[in-house]
Amino acid sequence: MRQESLLLALALSALTATGCDDGGGEGERVDAGPDAGKDGGLDATTADAAAAADSALGQKVTIRFKAKMGAQDLVCGQTYPNVGSSLVSAEVQDFRLFVQEVRLINGKGQEVPLLLEERGAQQSKEVALLDFTDGTGACTSGAATTNMIITGHVPADTYNGIVFVNGVSESLNHGNPALAPEPLKAPGAHWDWKLGYRFTMAELLPVASHQLDGGAHDGGAHGGAHGSDAGGGDGGAPSHGGGGEGAVFVHTGSTACNGVPGGDGGVSCSKANRAEIRFTSFNPATQSIVADLAAVFSEVDLSQGTQCHGSGESCRSGYSALGVDLTTGAPSPATQKVYRVE
C-alpha cells in the first residue's frame, strides 16, 4: 500500500512539473476537457464555476440601452441642429438615468423581477445608473466611461416585454450620499436641498452660449453647485449655481419633501416623480431601449436658458416627456415620449 501511494505521489509530481514548466517547450501544456486549446485547465474550471453560478441564479439577461438625439446617435462633442422649440444648435452635456424595479414580461403576461447583478459604480442589486456620456467635449458631468446595459437574472422562460422605473427607491433616496453604496456615489447625482437623488440628469449646452463663454463650462463646479443649494421647496426656483454658464437642463427627482434624514419619521415626499416605463413588445436578445435626449427638450425654448430644478413650470414639458405628471408626481405613461424600442 505504501509503495502504491509513493508511485501515485511521484506521478502527480511529474504531472505538476510538466504543467507548470515555464520553459515554453512544445507539448508542455496540459489541456482539460473538450475545450482543450481554448483555455488552460484552471481557466476552464473557473469559467465552468461561473457558468454554474449563473445557472443557479436563473437565466442571465442583458438589457441594452442607447441614447439618441432624435434619429441620430448621441455623441459627446457633436453639435446637433434644430433642438427644442426654438430650433437651437446644442451639444450634450449630461445624460444619466437611475433605473430600478426592472421586470420582464413572460408569455403569460406576468411581470418577473430581474435580479440585478452588482457591477461596481454602474449597478447594485437595488438600482442601476445608466450613463450615456464619456467625459469628452462638453460632457463633463458624468464619468469618463459609459454604461448602457443593465444585467441580471430571471427564471428560465421566454420574455417578450419589459417594465422599469426611472428613479431611486424611497429606502435609498434619503440617505447620506457620502456613505451610500455604488452607484449612488455618482458625482452631481444628489440634491442636498431636495433630500434625495436626481433621477434624471439631462443637460444641453446651446452652441451660442457655449461660444460666448469660450466653452469653459466647468462640469465639476456645475455639479457641486447643486449640492450647496439651500431651500428649494416644491414650486420654488432655488439658485442653481451653474445657470449663468449657459446650460439648459431638466433634472427630475422627488419633490415636496418634508422631515429630517435620520430623524423621527424620516423623510416623506408627496410627489414621488418616478416614471414607470412599459413596453409589451420587447425582445432583450435582439432589441435595445432608446432614450431620446432631444425628446426631453422638444417643447423647451433653449434660447431662454431654461433650467428645471425638479419643480416649477420650467419642468412641466420635460417631466411630461419623461412620463411624469408634474402636478401630482404620478407616472404619466400617456405623455411619455423619451423612451422607445429599436
Protein backbone atom coordinates (compact mmCIF):
# COMPACT_ATOMS: atom_id res chain seq x y z
CA MET A 1 0.00 0.00 0.00
CA ARG A 2 2.85 2.39 0.91
CA GLN A 3 4.53 1.60 -2.39
CA GLU A 4 1.35 2.37 -4.35
CA SER A 5 0.99 5.67 -2.51
CA LEU A 6 4.59 6.54 -3.31
CA LEU A 7 4.10 5.77 -7.01
CA LEU A 8 0.93 7.87 -7.10
CA ALA A 9 2.75 10.80 -5.44
CA LEU A 10 5.60 10.57 -7.95
CA ALA A 11 3.16 10.51 -10.86
CA LEU A 12 1.33 13.58 -9.58
CA SER A 13 4.64 15.36 -9.03
CA ALA A 14 5.72 14.69 -12.60
CA LEU A 15 2.41 15.88 -13.99
CA THR A 16 2.60 19.09 -11.95
CA ALA A 17 6.14 19.78 -13.10
CA THR A 18 5.14 19.32 -16.73
CA GLY A 19 2.12 21.62 -16.47
CA CYS A 20 3.94 24.41 -14.62
CA ASP A 21 7.22 24.43 -16.54
CA ASP A 22 7.92 27.94 -17.85
CA GLY A 23 10.36 26.72 -20.45
CA GLY A 24 7.77 27.13 -23.20
CA GLY A 25 8.66 23.80 -24.81
CA GLU A 26 6.19 22.16 -27.18
CA GLY A 27 3.82 19.70 -25.62
CA GLU A 28 4.13 21.09 -22.09
CA ARG A 29 0.58 22.45 -21.76
CA VAL A 30 -2.00 20.25 -20.08
CA ASP A 31 -5.44 20.82 -21.60
CA ALA A 32 -8.63 19.72 -19.93
CA GLY A 33 -11.87 18.60 -21.49
CA PRO A 34 -13.32 19.10 -24.97
CA ASP A 35 -12.35 22.80 -24.99
CA ALA A 36 -8.63 21.99 -24.89
CA GLY A 37 -6.66 24.59 -26.79
CA LYS A 38 -9.04 27.41 -25.79
CA ASP A 39 -8.27 27.75 -22.08
CA GLY A 40 -5.93 26.07 -19.62
CA GLY A 41 -7.40 23.67 -17.09
CA LEU A 42 -7.65 26.33 -14.35
CA ASP A 43 -9.34 28.89 -16.63
CA ALA A 44 -11.82 26.29 -17.86
CA THR A 45 -12.63 25.34 -14.29
CA THR A 46 -13.17 28.98 -13.34
CA ALA A 47 -15.40 29.51 -16.38
CA ASP A 48 -17.40 26.40 -15.51
CA ALA A 49 -17.85 27.60 -11.94
CA ALA A 50 -19.06 31.00 -13.15
CA ALA A 51 -21.47 29.33 -15.56
CA ALA A 52 -22.78 27.09 -12.78
CA ALA A 53 -23.31 30.12 -10.53
CA ASP A 54 -25.22 31.90 -13.30
CA SER A 55 -27.33 28.81 -13.89
CA ALA A 56 -28.21 28.60 -10.21
CA LEU A 57 -29.48 32.18 -10.31
CA GLY A 58 -31.54 31.50 -13.40
CA GLN A 59 -31.38 32.83 -16.93
CA LYS A 60 -28.90 35.67 -17.40
CA VAL A 61 -30.30 38.69 -19.24
CA THR A 62 -28.66 41.85 -20.56
CA ILE A 63 -30.93 44.82 -21.22
CA ARG A 64 -29.28 47.12 -23.74
CA PHE A 65 -29.90 50.85 -23.87
CA LYS A 66 -28.67 53.50 -26.26
CA ALA A 67 -29.03 57.27 -26.34
CA LYS A 68 -30.07 59.34 -29.33
CA MET A 69 -30.76 62.90 -30.31
CA GLY A 70 -33.86 62.32 -32.39
CA ALA A 71 -32.81 59.89 -35.12
CA GLN A 72 -29.07 60.41 -34.57
CA ASP A 73 -26.85 58.59 -32.11
CA LEU A 74 -25.89 60.73 -29.13
CA VAL A 75 -22.18 61.54 -29.23
CA CYS A 76 -20.33 63.87 -26.85
CA GLY A 77 -18.70 66.79 -28.66
CA GLN A 78 -21.09 66.67 -31.60
CA THR A 79 -23.31 69.65 -32.37
CA TYR A 80 -26.97 68.88 -33.10
CA PRO A 81 -29.10 71.40 -35.02
CA ASN A 82 -32.76 72.32 -34.51
CA VAL A 83 -33.11 71.23 -30.89
CA GLY A 84 -36.07 72.33 -28.77
CA SER A 85 -38.98 74.58 -29.64
CA SER A 86 -36.65 77.38 -30.79
CA LEU A 87 -34.61 75.06 -33.05
CA VAL A 88 -31.27 75.87 -31.44
CA SER A 89 -28.00 74.05 -32.11
CA ALA A 90 -26.66 72.35 -28.99
CA GLU A 91 -24.21 69.84 -27.56
CA VAL A 92 -24.99 67.25 -24.91
CA GLN A 93 -23.51 67.98 -21.50
CA ASP A 94 -25.01 65.24 -19.32
CA PHE A 95 -27.44 62.39 -19.80
CA ARG A 96 -27.73 59.93 -16.91
CA LEU A 97 -30.66 57.95 -15.55
CA PHE A 98 -31.24 55.91 -12.41
CA VAL A 99 -33.25 52.76 -13.11
CA GLN A 100 -34.82 50.36 -10.62
CA GLU A 101 -37.59 47.75 -10.34
CA VAL A 102 -36.83 46.12 -13.69
CA ARG A 103 -39.32 43.41 -14.61
CA LEU A 104 -39.58 41.21 -17.71
CA ILE A 105 -42.97 40.17 -19.04
CA ASN A 106 -43.36 36.49 -19.88
CA GLY A 107 -45.76 34.79 -22.28
CA LYS A 108 -48.47 34.68 -19.61
CA GLY A 109 -48.31 38.43 -19.12
CA GLN A 110 -46.64 38.04 -15.72
CA GLU A 111 -44.08 40.64 -14.61
CA VAL A 112 -41.00 38.80 -13.38
CA PRO A 113 -38.41 40.81 -11.39
CA LEU A 114 -34.92 40.95 -12.85
CA LEU A 115 -32.45 40.18 -10.06
CA LEU A 116 -29.77 42.80 -10.66
CA GLU A 117 -26.10 41.93 -10.52
CA GLU A 118 -23.57 44.04 -8.66
CA ARG A 119 -21.31 45.90 -11.09
CA GLY A 120 -19.42 48.47 -9.06
CA ALA A 121 -20.15 52.10 -9.91
CA GLN A 122 -22.65 51.08 -12.56
CA GLN A 123 -25.13 48.87 -10.77
CA SER A 124 -26.08 47.42 -7.40
CA LYS A 125 -28.71 44.85 -6.52
CA GLU A 126 -31.21 47.69 -5.99
CA VAL A 127 -30.52 50.29 -8.67
CA ALA A 128 -28.56 50.89 -11.88
CA LEU A 129 -27.09 54.12 -13.22
CA LEU A 130 -27.18 54.47 -16.99
CA ASP A 131 -24.56 56.95 -18.19
CA PHE A 132 -24.62 57.87 -21.88
CA THR A 133 -21.71 60.33 -21.77
CA ASP A 134 -17.98 59.66 -21.86
CA GLY A 135 -16.31 62.76 -20.43
CA THR A 136 -15.33 64.27 -23.80
CA GLY A 137 -16.43 67.55 -25.38
CA ALA A 138 -18.94 69.35 -23.15
CA CYS A 139 -19.79 66.08 -21.34
CA THR A 140 -18.06 66.94 -18.09
CA SER A 141 -20.72 65.97 -15.55
CA GLY A 142 -20.67 62.17 -15.66
CA ALA A 143 -17.94 59.52 -15.63
CA ALA A 144 -15.29 59.02 -18.31
CA THR A 145 -16.88 55.71 -19.29
CA THR A 146 -20.40 54.97 -20.42
CA ASN A 147 -22.80 52.38 -19.05
CA MET A 148 -25.57 51.39 -21.43
CA ILE A 149 -26.59 48.00 -20.07
CA ILE A 150 -28.48 46.52 -17.14
CA THR A 151 -27.66 42.91 -16.27
CA GLY A 152 -29.38 40.37 -14.07
CA HIS A 153 -31.14 37.02 -13.82
CA VAL A 154 -34.69 35.72 -14.20
CA PRO A 155 -36.12 32.19 -14.14
CA ALA A 156 -35.65 30.42 -17.46
CA ASP A 157 -38.58 31.35 -19.69
CA THR A 158 -39.49 33.27 -22.81
CA TYR A 159 -39.87 37.02 -22.28
CA ASN A 160 -41.43 39.48 -24.67
CA GLY A 161 -41.85 42.68 -22.69
CA ILE A 162 -40.26 44.89 -20.04
CA VAL A 163 -41.20 47.34 -17.27
CA PHE A 164 -38.80 49.58 -15.35
CA VAL A 165 -38.89 52.62 -13.10
CA ASN A 166 -36.82 55.75 -13.64
CA GLY A 167 -35.89 56.65 -10.07
CA VAL A 168 -34.30 55.70 -6.76
CA SER A 169 -36.44 53.90 -4.17
CA GLU A 170 -37.56 55.69 -1.01
CA SER A 171 -35.47 53.32 1.08
CA LEU A 172 -32.31 54.63 -0.63
CA ASN A 173 -33.36 58.14 -1.60
CA HIS A 174 -32.81 59.95 1.68
CA GLY A 175 -29.54 58.55 2.99
CA ASN A 176 -26.20 60.28 3.33
CA PRO A 177 -24.67 60.23 -0.18
CA ALA A 178 -21.16 60.19 1.29
CA LEU A 179 -21.97 56.84 2.91
CA ALA A 180 -24.17 55.47 0.14
CA PRO A 181 -23.19 52.35 -1.80
CA GLU A 182 -22.41 52.48 -5.51
CA PRO A 183 -23.80 53.65 -7.86
CA LEU A 184 -25.31 56.27 -5.53
CA LYS A 185 -21.93 57.94 -5.08
CA ALA A 186 -22.02 59.29 -8.63
CA PRO A 187 -20.87 62.93 -8.77
CA GLY A 188 -23.58 65.53 -9.21
CA ALA A 189 -26.37 62.99 -8.76
CA HIS A 190 -27.70 64.14 -5.38
CA TRP A 191 -29.86 67.06 -4.25
CA ASP A 192 -28.90 68.02 -0.72
CA TRP A 193 -31.64 70.61 -0.66
CA LYS A 194 -34.16 68.14 -2.02
CA LEU A 195 -33.06 65.42 0.40
CA GLY A 196 -32.67 62.88 -2.35
CA TYR A 197 -31.31 61.97 -5.76
CA ARG A 198 -31.76 63.35 -9.22
CA PHE A 199 -33.45 60.51 -11.08
CA THR A 200 -32.75 62.04 -14.49
CA MET A 201 -29.86 64.33 -15.36
CA ALA A 202 -30.49 65.73 -18.85
CA GLU A 203 -28.35 68.71 -19.85
CA LEU A 204 -27.65 70.52 -23.10
CA LEU A 205 -25.27 73.35 -23.88
CA PRO A 206 -26.60 75.61 -26.64
CA VAL A 207 -23.82 76.38 -29.11
CA ALA A 208 -24.33 80.17 -28.93
CA SER A 209 -23.93 80.13 -25.13
CA HIS A 210 -21.00 77.75 -25.41
CA GLN A 211 -19.23 80.12 -27.80
CA LEU A 212 -19.99 83.19 -25.70
CA ASP A 213 -18.39 81.78 -22.57
CA GLY A 214 -15.49 80.36 -24.53
CA GLY A 215 -16.59 76.79 -23.91
CA ALA A 216 -15.27 77.00 -20.37
CA HIS A 217 -18.19 75.29 -18.69
CA ASP A 218 -16.77 73.59 -15.61
CA GLY A 219 -18.65 70.34 -15.04
CA GLY A 220 -17.20 69.97 -11.57
CA ALA A 221 -18.42 73.40 -10.48
CA HIS A 222 -21.78 72.76 -12.08
CA GLY A 223 -22.28 69.52 -10.19
CA GLY A 224 -21.01 70.95 -6.93
CA ALA A 225 -23.32 73.93 -7.11
CA HIS A 226 -26.35 71.69 -6.85
CA GLY A 227 -25.10 70.19 -3.64
CA SER A 228 -24.61 73.57 -1.98
CA ASP A 229 -28.03 74.99 -2.84
CA ALA A 230 -30.32 75.84 0.04
CA GLY A 231 -34.07 75.88 0.34
CA GLY A 232 -35.90 74.88 -2.78
CA GLY A 233 -39.34 73.86 -1.64
CA ASP A 234 -41.64 72.41 -4.28
CA GLY A 235 -42.54 75.05 -6.82
CA GLY A 236 -39.55 77.19 -5.91
CA ALA A 237 -36.62 78.11 -8.08
CA PRO A 238 -33.50 77.92 -5.92
CA SER A 239 -30.29 79.28 -7.32
CA HIS A 240 -28.53 76.65 -9.34
CA GLY A 241 -25.00 77.89 -9.41
CA GLY A 242 -24.43 76.68 -12.97
CA GLY A 243 -27.27 78.65 -14.53
CA GLY A 244 -25.08 81.52 -15.67
CA GLU A 245 -22.89 79.18 -17.67
CA GLY A 246 -25.38 78.69 -20.48
CA ALA A 247 -26.54 75.16 -19.72
CA VAL A 248 -30.16 74.15 -20.24
CA PHE A 249 -31.27 71.19 -18.19
CA VAL A 250 -34.08 69.03 -16.85
CA HIS A 251 -33.39 67.35 -13.52
CA THR A 252 -36.09 65.13 -12.07
CA GLY A 253 -36.40 63.78 -8.54
CA SER A 254 -38.87 63.52 -5.68
CA THR A 255 -40.22 66.88 -4.51
CA ALA A 256 -42.43 68.34 -1.77
CA CYS A 257 -40.26 66.51 0.75
CA ASN A 258 -40.60 67.02 4.50
CA GLY A 259 -38.74 65.69 7.50
CA VAL A 260 -35.14 65.22 8.51
CA PRO A 261 -32.94 62.34 7.28
CA GLY A 262 -32.27 60.05 10.21
CA GLY A 263 -34.78 61.86 12.40
CA ASP A 264 -38.04 60.61 13.85
CA GLY A 265 -40.31 59.74 10.97
CA GLY A 266 -37.54 60.18 8.42
CA VAL A 267 -38.36 61.98 5.17
CA SER A 268 -41.53 61.77 3.11
CA CYS A 269 -42.16 63.29 -0.33
CA SER A 270 -45.70 63.88 -1.51
CA LYS A 271 -44.55 63.94 -5.15
CA ALA A 272 -42.58 60.81 -5.97
CA ASN A 273 -41.91 61.81 -9.61
CA ARG A 274 -40.85 58.30 -10.61
CA ALA A 275 -41.78 57.33 -14.16
CA GLU A 276 -42.79 53.74 -14.91
CA ILE A 277 -41.87 52.74 -18.46
CA ARG A 278 -43.58 49.75 -20.05
CA PHE A 279 -43.09 48.01 -23.39
CA THR A 280 -45.29 44.98 -24.04
CA SER A 281 -43.26 44.11 -27.13
CA PHE A 282 -39.55 43.88 -26.39
CA ASN A 283 -37.03 41.12 -27.08
CA PRO A 284 -33.94 41.58 -24.88
CA ALA A 285 -31.91 39.30 -27.14
CA THR A 286 -32.37 41.39 -30.28
CA GLN A 287 -33.64 44.85 -29.31
CA SER A 288 -32.48 47.91 -27.38
CA ILE A 289 -34.31 50.63 -25.46
CA VAL A 290 -33.61 54.08 -26.84
CA ALA A 291 -33.50 57.12 -24.54
CA ASP A 292 -34.01 60.19 -26.73
CA LEU A 293 -32.45 63.31 -25.20
CA ALA A 294 -33.94 65.58 -27.88
CA ALA A 295 -37.43 64.45 -26.81
CA VAL A 296 -36.78 65.68 -23.26
CA PHE A 297 -36.31 69.20 -24.66
CA SER A 298 -38.71 69.07 -27.60
CA GLU A 299 -41.00 71.75 -26.10
CA VAL A 300 -38.29 73.72 -24.30
CA ASP A 301 -37.03 77.06 -25.64
CA LEU A 302 -33.28 76.57 -25.37
CA SER A 303 -32.66 80.20 -26.33
CA GLN A 304 -34.13 81.26 -22.95
CA GLY A 305 -31.70 79.26 -20.83
CA THR A 306 -34.48 77.20 -19.22
CA GLN A 307 -33.39 75.29 -16.13
CA CYS A 308 -35.56 72.73 -14.37
CA HIS A 309 -34.53 72.05 -10.77
CA GLY A 310 -37.14 69.36 -10.17
CA SER A 311 -40.13 71.66 -9.65
CA GLY A 312 -41.81 74.73 -11.11
CA GLU A 313 -43.31 75.42 -14.54
CA SER A 314 -39.92 75.21 -16.23
CA CYS A 315 -40.10 71.47 -15.56
CA ARG A 316 -43.56 70.73 -16.93
CA SER A 317 -42.76 69.79 -20.54
CA GLY A 318 -39.62 67.82 -19.63
CA TYR A 319 -41.43 65.87 -16.93
CA SER A 320 -44.29 65.14 -19.30
CA ALA A 321 -41.92 63.82 -21.97
CA LEU A 322 -40.21 61.61 -19.39
CA GLY A 323 -43.56 60.18 -18.27
CA VAL A 324 -44.31 62.09 -15.06
CA ASP A 325 -47.19 64.41 -14.17
CA LEU A 326 -45.57 67.48 -12.61
CA THR A 327 -48.74 68.46 -10.74
CA THR A 328 -49.31 65.15 -8.97
CA GLY A 329 -45.91 63.47 -9.16
CA ALA A 330 -47.58 60.32 -10.51
CA PRO A 331 -46.47 58.36 -13.60
CA SER A 332 -47.93 59.66 -16.86
CA PRO A 333 -47.44 56.89 -19.44
CA ALA A 334 -49.69 58.58 -21.99
CA THR A 335 -47.32 61.56 -22.33
CA GLN A 336 -44.03 59.63 -22.28
CA LYS A 337 -42.02 60.11 -25.49
CA VAL A 338 -38.39 59.84 -24.43
CA TYR A 339 -38.15 56.02 -24.48
CA ARG A 340 -38.76 53.71 -27.43
CA VAL A 341 -37.73 50.24 -28.60
CA GLU A 342 -35.49 49.63 -31.60
